[in-house]
Amino acid sequence: MEHETHDCEAPREFRVTFPGPITTHMVVVDGWSVPFLEASFRGEDGLRLILDGRIGIDLGTNEAERLIPFLADAIAVALGYGGHPRDDGPELPPKLPHKAPRRVVQVEMLPD
């Protein structure tokens, strides 16, 4: 029995890569996390906002301070809430299967 031959590319040895290190930060407005939004710092006065891991924009810190609360409200409304929570407001009920803003607690080291 004779085997047929054909021209195929040899399979690549590795198909999965792990680029990095990638440093992103949670975005928090008035003590509440903003779902689907991450940030990474660019120099001393800049940052990159990344929406849903797909869309990014580079901003200065003053621009970000004005834009992010608006964006937080827009994301909350898109998730079915009236807006992003304010200050010490109540915890929002989850509207499954979506994420909701959650209270963020910061931990700090105290001097001895």
N, C-alpha and C. Protein backbone atom coordinates (compact mmCIF):
# COMPACT_ATOMS: atom_id res chain seq x y z
N MET A 1 0.84 -1.17 0.00
CA MET A 1 0.00 0.00 0.00
C MET A 1 0.89 1.24 0.00
N GLU A 2 0.64 2.13 -0.89
CA GLU A 2 1.46 3.34 -1.06
C GLU A 2 0.78 4.53 -0.38
N HIS A 3 1.57 5.33 0.40
CA HIS A 3 1.02 6.50 1.09
C HIS A 3 1.07 7.70 0.16
N GLU A 4 0.02 8.49 0.21
CA GLU A 4 0.00 9.73 -0.57
C GLU A 4 0.82 10.78 0.17
N THR A 5 1.47 11.63 -0.54
CA THR A 5 2.21 12.74 0.07
C THR A 5 1.60 14.05 -0.39
N HIS A 6 1.70 15.05 0.45
CA HIS A 6 1.21 16.38 0.09
C HIS A 6 2.07 17.41 0.80
N ASP A 7 2.00 18.64 0.33
CA ASP A 7 2.82 19.73 0.89
C ASP A 7 2.05 20.44 1.99
N CYS A 8 2.41 20.20 3.20
CA CYS A 8 1.80 20.87 4.36
C CYS A 8 2.90 21.54 5.16
N GLU A 9 2.50 22.62 5.83
CA GLU A 9 3.45 23.25 6.75
C GLU A 9 3.62 22.37 7.97
N ALA A 10 4.80 22.31 8.48
CA ALA A 10 5.02 21.59 9.73
C ALA A 10 4.34 22.38 10.84
N PRO A 11 3.74 21.71 11.80
CA PRO A 11 3.08 22.45 12.88
C PRO A 11 4.10 23.24 13.70
N ARG A 12 3.67 24.42 14.12
CA ARG A 12 4.55 25.22 14.97
C ARG A 12 4.69 24.53 16.32
N GLU A 13 5.85 24.70 16.91
CA GLU A 13 6.10 24.00 18.17
C GLU A 13 5.24 24.56 19.31
N PHE A 14 5.18 25.91 19.45
CA PHE A 14 4.40 26.52 20.52
C PHE A 14 3.40 27.50 19.90
N ARG A 15 2.13 27.39 20.30
CA ARG A 15 1.10 28.30 19.80
C ARG A 15 0.68 29.31 20.87
N VAL A 16 0.95 29.03 22.12
CA VAL A 16 0.52 29.89 23.21
C VAL A 16 1.70 30.70 23.70
N THR A 17 1.49 32.02 23.86
CA THR A 17 2.54 32.88 24.40
C THR A 17 1.99 33.64 25.60
N PHE A 18 2.86 34.18 26.42
CA PHE A 18 2.46 34.93 27.60
C PHE A 18 3.20 36.26 27.62
N PRO A 19 2.72 37.24 26.86
CA PRO A 19 3.39 38.54 26.86
C PRO A 19 3.23 39.23 28.21
N GLY A 20 4.19 40.03 28.54
CA GLY A 20 4.07 40.74 29.80
C GLY A 20 5.44 41.12 30.32
N PRO A 21 5.59 41.62 31.48
CA PRO A 21 4.51 41.79 32.44
C PRO A 21 3.58 42.94 32.06
N ILE A 22 2.31 42.76 32.30
CA ILE A 22 1.31 43.79 32.02
C ILE A 22 0.73 44.21 33.37
N THR A 23 0.81 45.48 33.65
CA THR A 23 0.30 45.98 34.92
C THR A 23 -0.93 46.83 34.67
N THR A 24 -2.06 46.37 35.16
CA THR A 24 -3.28 47.16 35.08
C THR A 24 -3.82 47.35 36.49
N HIS A 25 -4.61 48.38 36.63
CA HIS A 25 -5.17 48.73 37.92
C HIS A 25 -6.68 48.79 37.84
N MET A 26 -7.33 48.47 38.94
CA MET A 26 -8.77 48.63 39.06
C MET A 26 -9.07 50.13 39.04
N VAL A 27 -10.21 50.52 38.48
CA VAL A 27 -10.63 51.92 38.50
C VAL A 27 -11.75 52.05 39.53
N VAL A 28 -11.62 53.02 40.43
CA VAL A 28 -12.57 53.21 41.52
C VAL A 28 -13.04 54.66 41.51
N VAL A 29 -14.36 54.86 41.59
CA VAL A 29 -14.95 56.20 41.68
C VAL A 29 -15.78 56.25 42.96
N ASP A 30 -15.52 57.23 43.81
CA ASP A 30 -16.22 57.40 45.08
C ASP A 30 -16.23 56.12 45.91
N GLY A 31 -15.14 55.36 45.87
CA GLY A 31 -15.04 54.16 46.68
C GLY A 31 -15.70 52.93 46.07
N TRP A 32 -16.19 53.03 44.83
CA TRP A 32 -16.87 51.92 44.16
C TRP A 32 -16.11 51.56 42.89
N SER A 33 -15.90 50.27 42.69
CA SER A 33 -15.20 49.81 41.48
C SER A 33 -16.06 50.08 40.25
N VAL A 34 -15.39 50.29 39.13
CA VAL A 34 -16.09 50.49 37.86
C VAL A 34 -15.92 49.20 37.06
N PRO A 35 -17.00 48.44 36.88
CA PRO A 35 -16.88 47.18 36.14
C PRO A 35 -16.42 47.41 34.71
N PHE A 36 -15.67 46.47 34.19
CA PHE A 36 -15.22 46.46 32.80
C PHE A 36 -14.21 47.57 32.47
N LEU A 37 -13.68 48.27 33.47
CA LEU A 37 -12.74 49.35 33.22
C LEU A 37 -11.46 49.12 34.00
N GLU A 38 -10.31 49.17 33.32
CA GLU A 38 -9.00 49.04 33.93
C GLU A 38 -8.15 50.23 33.50
N ALA A 39 -7.06 50.46 34.21
CA ALA A 39 -6.15 51.55 33.85
C ALA A 39 -4.72 51.08 34.00
N SER A 40 -3.85 51.65 33.19
CA SER A 40 -2.42 51.45 33.37
C SER A 40 -1.77 52.83 33.23
N PHE A 41 -0.74 53.06 34.01
CA PHE A 41 -0.12 54.38 34.04
C PHE A 41 0.88 54.54 32.91
N ARG A 42 0.92 55.75 32.35
CA ARG A 42 1.82 56.12 31.26
C ARG A 42 2.58 57.36 31.67
N GLY A 43 3.77 57.19 32.19
CA GLY A 43 4.55 58.34 32.61
C GLY A 43 4.01 58.94 33.89
N GLU A 44 4.39 60.20 34.16
CA GLU A 44 4.00 60.84 35.41
C GLU A 44 2.60 61.44 35.38
N ASP A 45 2.13 61.85 34.21
CA ASP A 45 0.83 62.52 34.16
C ASP A 45 -0.08 61.89 33.10
N GLY A 46 0.00 60.60 32.93
CA GLY A 46 -0.85 59.98 31.92
C GLY A 46 -1.28 58.59 32.32
N LEU A 47 -2.36 58.17 31.74
CA LEU A 47 -2.83 56.81 31.94
C LEU A 47 -3.58 56.33 30.72
N ARG A 48 -3.70 55.04 30.62
CA ARG A 48 -4.47 54.43 29.54
C ARG A 48 -5.66 53.72 30.18
N LEU A 49 -6.86 54.11 29.75
CA LEU A 49 -8.08 53.44 30.18
C LEU A 49 -8.38 52.33 29.19
N ILE A 50 -8.76 51.17 29.70
CA ILE A 50 -9.07 50.03 28.84
C ILE A 50 -10.48 49.56 29.21
N LEU A 51 -11.38 49.64 28.25
CA LEU A 51 -12.77 49.25 28.45
C LEU A 51 -12.97 47.84 27.94
N ASP A 52 -13.42 46.97 28.82
CA ASP A 52 -13.76 45.58 28.49
C ASP A 52 -12.60 44.82 27.85
N GLY A 53 -11.37 45.23 28.16
CA GLY A 53 -10.20 44.56 27.63
C GLY A 53 -10.03 44.71 26.13
N ARG A 54 -10.79 45.64 25.51
CA ARG A 54 -10.76 45.76 24.05
C ARG A 54 -10.52 47.16 23.53
N ILE A 55 -11.00 48.17 24.21
CA ILE A 55 -10.92 49.54 23.70
C ILE A 55 -10.11 50.37 24.68
N GLY A 56 -9.11 51.07 24.18
CA GLY A 56 -8.26 51.86 25.05
C GLY A 56 -8.14 53.30 24.59
N ILE A 57 -7.87 54.18 25.55
CA ILE A 57 -7.65 55.59 25.24
C ILE A 57 -6.60 56.11 26.21
N ASP A 58 -5.67 56.92 25.70
CA ASP A 58 -4.65 57.54 26.54
C ASP A 58 -5.12 58.93 26.96
N LEU A 59 -5.03 59.21 28.26
CA LEU A 59 -5.51 60.47 28.82
C LEU A 59 -4.50 61.03 29.80
N GLY A 60 -4.57 62.34 29.99
CA GLY A 60 -3.85 62.97 31.09
C GLY A 60 -4.67 62.77 32.36
N THR A 61 -4.05 62.95 33.52
CA THR A 61 -4.79 62.71 34.77
C THR A 61 -5.96 63.67 34.95
N ASN A 62 -5.83 64.93 34.53
CA ASN A 62 -6.95 65.87 34.64
C ASN A 62 -8.10 65.46 33.73
N GLU A 63 -7.79 65.02 32.50
CA GLU A 63 -8.84 64.53 31.60
C GLU A 63 -9.53 63.31 32.19
N ALA A 64 -8.74 62.40 32.75
CA ALA A 64 -9.30 61.18 33.33
C ALA A 64 -10.22 61.51 34.50
N GLU A 65 -9.84 62.48 35.31
CA GLU A 65 -10.66 62.88 36.46
C GLU A 65 -12.04 63.38 36.02
N ARG A 66 -12.11 64.02 34.87
CA ARG A 66 -13.40 64.50 34.36
C ARG A 66 -14.17 63.42 33.61
N LEU A 67 -13.48 62.54 32.88
CA LEU A 67 -14.15 61.55 32.05
C LEU A 67 -14.61 60.32 32.81
N ILE A 68 -13.81 59.82 33.73
CA ILE A 68 -14.11 58.53 34.36
C ILE A 68 -15.43 58.52 35.14
N PRO A 69 -15.80 59.55 35.92
CA PRO A 69 -17.12 59.50 36.57
C PRO A 69 -18.27 59.41 35.56
N PHE A 70 -18.16 60.12 34.44
CA PHE A 70 -19.18 60.03 33.39
C PHE A 70 -19.23 58.61 32.82
N LEU A 71 -18.06 58.05 32.55
CA LEU A 71 -17.97 56.70 32.00
C LEU A 71 -18.52 55.68 33.00
N ALA A 72 -18.24 55.87 34.29
CA ALA A 72 -18.77 54.98 35.33
C ALA A 72 -20.29 55.00 35.33
N ASP A 73 -20.88 56.19 35.20
CA ASP A 73 -22.35 56.29 35.11
C ASP A 73 -22.88 55.58 33.87
N ALA A 74 -22.21 55.78 32.74
CA ALA A 74 -22.65 55.16 31.49
C ALA A 74 -22.61 53.64 31.58
N ILE A 75 -21.55 53.09 32.18
CA ILE A 75 -21.45 51.64 32.34
C ILE A 75 -22.56 51.13 33.26
N ALA A 76 -22.79 51.83 34.38
CA ALA A 76 -23.84 51.41 35.32
C ALA A 76 -25.21 51.43 34.65
N VAL A 77 -25.50 52.47 33.87
CA VAL A 77 -26.79 52.55 33.17
C VAL A 77 -26.91 51.42 32.14
N ALA A 78 -25.82 51.14 31.44
CA ALA A 78 -25.84 50.04 30.47
C ALA A 78 -26.10 48.69 31.15
N LEU A 79 -25.72 48.57 32.42
CA LEU A 79 -25.96 47.34 33.17
C LEU A 79 -27.34 47.31 33.82
N GLY A 80 -28.13 48.37 33.64
CA GLY A 80 -29.49 48.39 34.16
C GLY A 80 -29.69 49.13 35.46
N TYR A 81 -28.68 49.86 35.93
CA TYR A 81 -28.80 50.64 37.15
C TYR A 81 -29.07 52.09 36.80
N GLY A 82 -29.46 52.89 37.80
CA GLY A 82 -29.73 54.29 37.56
C GLY A 82 -28.47 55.12 37.37
N GLY A 83 -27.34 54.63 37.82
CA GLY A 83 -26.06 55.32 37.70
C GLY A 83 -25.07 54.66 38.63
N HIS A 84 -23.84 55.14 38.56
CA HIS A 84 -22.78 54.61 39.44
C HIS A 84 -23.09 55.05 40.87
N PRO A 85 -22.84 54.21 41.88
CA PRO A 85 -23.13 54.59 43.27
C PRO A 85 -22.34 55.83 43.70
N ARG A 86 -22.86 56.52 44.67
CA ARG A 86 -22.21 57.71 45.22
C ARG A 86 -21.78 57.45 46.66
N ASP A 87 -20.61 57.91 47.01
CA ASP A 87 -20.07 57.89 48.37
C ASP A 87 -20.44 56.64 49.16
N ASP A 88 -21.19 56.81 50.24
CA ASP A 88 -21.51 55.70 51.14
C ASP A 88 -22.89 55.11 50.86
N GLY A 89 -23.30 55.08 49.62
CA GLY A 89 -24.60 54.53 49.27
C GLY A 89 -24.66 53.03 49.51
N PRO A 90 -25.87 52.46 49.38
CA PRO A 90 -26.03 51.02 49.63
C PRO A 90 -25.40 50.18 48.51
N GLU A 91 -25.09 48.94 48.83
CA GLU A 91 -24.57 47.98 47.86
C GLU A 91 -25.64 47.74 46.80
N LEU A 92 -25.24 47.71 45.55
CA LEU A 92 -26.21 47.48 44.48
C LEU A 92 -26.49 45.99 44.33
N PRO A 93 -27.75 45.64 44.10
CA PRO A 93 -28.04 44.22 43.87
C PRO A 93 -27.50 43.81 42.50
N PRO A 94 -26.96 42.60 42.38
CA PRO A 94 -26.47 42.18 41.07
C PRO A 94 -27.62 41.96 40.11
N LYS A 95 -27.43 42.37 38.89
CA LYS A 95 -28.40 42.10 37.83
C LYS A 95 -27.75 41.05 36.96
N LEU A 96 -27.88 39.82 37.37
CA LEU A 96 -27.19 38.73 36.72
C LEU A 96 -27.58 38.63 35.26
N PRO A 97 -26.68 38.24 34.38
CA PRO A 97 -25.35 37.70 34.64
C PRO A 97 -24.27 38.77 34.61
N HIS A 98 -24.62 40.02 34.81
CA HIS A 98 -23.65 41.10 34.69
C HIS A 98 -22.96 41.39 36.01
N LYS A 99 -21.87 42.12 35.91
CA LYS A 99 -21.16 42.60 37.09
C LYS A 99 -21.83 43.86 37.58
N ALA A 100 -21.61 44.17 38.83
CA ALA A 100 -22.11 45.42 39.41
C ALA A 100 -20.95 46.12 40.10
N PRO A 101 -21.01 47.45 40.24
CA PRO A 101 -19.99 48.13 41.03
C PRO A 101 -20.01 47.60 42.46
N ARG A 102 -18.86 47.42 43.05
CA ARG A 102 -18.74 46.91 44.41
C ARG A 102 -17.87 47.84 45.23
N ARG A 103 -18.18 47.93 46.52
CA ARG A 103 -17.42 48.78 47.44
C ARG A 103 -15.99 48.27 47.48
N VAL A 104 -15.03 49.17 47.44
CA VAL A 104 -13.61 48.82 47.48
C VAL A 104 -13.06 49.25 48.84
N VAL A 105 -12.41 48.33 49.52
CA VAL A 105 -11.81 48.60 50.82
C VAL A 105 -10.31 48.59 50.63
N GLN A 106 -9.66 49.66 51.07
CA GLN A 106 -8.22 49.74 50.93
C GLN A 106 -7.56 49.34 52.25
N VAL A 107 -6.45 48.64 52.11
CA VAL A 107 -5.68 48.21 53.28
C VAL A 107 -4.36 48.98 53.26
N GLU A 108 -4.02 49.58 54.39
CA GLU A 108 -2.79 50.35 54.48
C GLU A 108 -1.94 49.85 55.62
N MET A 109 -0.63 49.93 55.45
CA MET A 109 0.31 49.56 56.50
C MET A 109 0.42 50.70 57.50
N LEU A 110 0.37 50.40 58.77
CA LEU A 110 0.55 51.40 59.81
C LEU A 110 1.97 51.31 60.36
N PRO A 111 2.55 52.45 60.71
CA PRO A 111 3.90 52.42 61.27
C PRO A 111 3.89 51.71 62.61
N ASP A 112 5.02 51.08 62.95
CA ASP A 112 5.14 50.37 64.24
C ASP A 112 5.12 51.33 65.40
